[in-house]
Amino acid sequence: MAQHSNGLHHHGYVERSTLSHALSAAERRMLDPDEVMHSPEEVAAWLAGTLRAAMGLTEDEVGFTDETEIWLTESRRGETIVTGLNDGPTITAEAVYDNNCECERQLKPVPPSKKRR
């Protein structure tokens, strides 16, 4: 699975509102993400799975083949992807750089401190 380049990852958010009533990017970033994705493939799979769940459909019923190609391309470019259903929810994969993200700092191991003698 290819990793994002340039220290980029995506935060996934599912809002129980329509696109026209969704939070702004700044408001969304104040929330804990529902999902953290580290590759374009993870972004595309999460978007497809989340949309399918919202629709109450299975992978056999809706493949999102064309959309997956677009989501892969856009996430590789470091773009935020916003999609959803007409009556909600709004589903967002927000592009975030590791150095601007608390979640990435929390995931990185802290080196042990050297004991003084």
Protein backbone atom coordinates (compact mmCIF):
# COMPACT_ATOMS: atom_id res chain seq x y z
CA MET A 1 0.00 0.00 0.00
CA ALA A 2 1.54 3.28 -1.10
CA GLN A 3 1.92 5.94 1.54
CA HIS A 4 1.04 9.57 0.98
CA SER A 5 4.03 11.68 0.07
CA ASN A 6 5.35 14.75 1.88
CA GLY A 7 4.12 13.71 5.32
CA LEU A 8 0.46 13.91 4.33
CA HIS A 9 -2.46 11.91 5.66
CA HIS A 10 -6.26 12.31 5.67
CA HIS A 11 -8.79 12.62 8.48
CA GLY A 12 -12.20 11.16 7.81
CA TYR A 13 -15.34 12.86 9.12
CA VAL A 14 -18.97 11.82 8.86
CA GLU A 15 -21.42 14.63 9.58
CA ARG A 16 -25.13 13.98 9.99
CA SER A 17 -25.98 16.97 7.81
CA THR A 18 -26.30 17.87 4.16
CA LEU A 19 -23.45 19.43 2.20
CA SER A 20 -25.11 22.84 2.42
CA HIS A 21 -25.13 22.63 6.23
CA ALA A 22 -21.77 20.92 6.75
CA LEU A 23 -19.09 22.34 9.01
CA SER A 24 -16.35 24.53 7.58
CA ALA A 25 -12.86 23.05 7.32
CA ALA A 26 -11.74 25.06 10.37
CA GLU A 27 -14.71 23.82 12.42
CA ARG A 28 -14.12 20.22 11.30
CA ARG A 29 -10.45 20.33 12.30
CA MET A 30 -11.48 21.08 15.88
CA LEU A 31 -13.17 17.65 16.07
CA ASP A 32 -11.56 14.25 16.51
CA PRO A 33 -11.64 12.42 13.18
CA ASP A 34 -13.77 9.32 12.72
CA GLU A 35 -10.91 7.74 10.78
CA VAL A 36 -7.22 8.46 10.04
CA MET A 37 -5.96 7.29 6.64
CA HIS A 38 -2.33 7.08 5.57
CA SER A 39 -2.58 6.17 1.89
CA PRO A 40 -4.69 7.11 -1.13
CA GLU A 41 -6.01 3.54 -1.19
CA GLU A 42 -7.22 3.86 2.40
CA VAL A 43 -8.95 7.15 1.53
CA ALA A 44 -10.78 5.65 -1.47
CA ALA A 45 -11.78 2.51 0.45
CA TRP A 46 -13.05 4.52 3.43
CA LEU A 47 -15.08 6.89 1.23
CA ALA A 48 -16.64 3.99 -0.69
CA GLY A 49 -17.41 1.98 2.43
CA THR A 50 -18.85 4.96 4.29
CA LEU A 51 -21.04 5.96 1.34
CA ARG A 52 -22.25 2.37 0.93
CA ALA A 53 -23.14 2.20 4.63
CA ALA A 54 -25.04 5.50 4.40
CA MET A 55 -26.95 4.15 1.40
CA GLY A 56 -27.62 0.78 3.03
CA LEU A 57 -26.03 -1.02 0.09
CA THR A 58 -23.30 -3.63 -0.34
CA GLU A 59 -20.18 -3.63 -2.50
CA ASP A 60 -21.99 -5.95 -4.93
CA GLU A 61 -24.78 -3.39 -5.30
CA VAL A 62 -22.59 -0.31 -5.85
CA GLY A 63 -18.90 -0.43 -6.81
CA PHE A 64 -17.97 3.27 -7.04
CA THR A 65 -15.44 2.32 -9.75
CA ASP A 66 -15.29 5.73 -11.44
CA GLU A 67 -15.40 7.59 -8.14
CA THR A 68 -12.58 5.46 -6.72
CA GLU A 69 -10.25 6.53 -9.54
CA ILE A 70 -11.08 10.19 -8.88
CA TRP A 71 -10.62 9.78 -5.11
CA LEU A 72 -7.24 8.09 -5.61
CA THR A 73 -6.05 10.87 -7.93
CA GLU A 74 -7.25 13.68 -5.67
CA SER A 75 -5.89 12.17 -2.45
CA ARG A 76 -2.50 11.61 -4.12
CA ARG A 77 -2.51 15.34 -4.93
CA GLY A 78 -3.14 16.16 -1.27
CA GLU A 79 -6.68 17.37 -1.86
CA THR A 80 -9.54 17.28 0.62
CA ILE A 81 -12.48 15.26 -0.72
CA VAL A 82 -16.05 16.07 0.29
CA THR A 83 -18.97 13.90 -0.81
CA GLY A 84 -22.24 12.61 0.57
CA LEU A 85 -25.90 12.01 -0.08
CA ASN A 86 -28.52 14.65 -0.94
CA ASP A 87 -30.20 14.31 2.44
CA GLY A 88 -26.96 13.63 4.36
CA PRO A 89 -24.58 12.58 5.62
CA THR A 90 -21.64 14.68 4.47
CA ILE A 91 -18.48 12.58 4.24
CA THR A 92 -15.10 14.31 4.19
CA ALA A 93 -11.53 13.06 3.79
CA GLU A 94 -9.59 16.12 4.98
CA ALA A 95 -5.96 16.38 3.83
CA VAL A 96 -3.66 17.11 6.78
CA TYR A 97 0.11 17.46 6.98
CA ASP A 98 1.72 15.43 9.75
CA ASN A 99 3.55 18.43 11.23
CA ASN A 100 0.20 20.28 11.61
CA CYS A 101 -1.54 17.38 13.30
CA GLU A 102 -1.76 16.34 16.92
CA CYS A 103 -2.84 12.80 16.01
CA GLU A 104 0.42 12.14 14.15
CA ARG A 105 2.52 13.46 17.02
CA GLN A 106 0.65 11.16 19.38
CA LEU A 107 1.27 8.15 17.15
CA LYS A 108 5.03 8.64 16.84
CA PRO A 109 7.12 6.85 19.46
CA VAL A 110 8.88 9.03 21.99
CA PRO A 111 12.58 8.14 22.31
CA PRO A 112 13.58 7.02 25.80
CA SER A 113 15.39 9.65 27.81
CA LYS A 114 19.00 9.02 28.77
CA LYS A 115 19.59 8.49 32.44
CA ARG A 116 22.12 10.74 34.10
CA ARG A 117 24.80 9.08 36.17
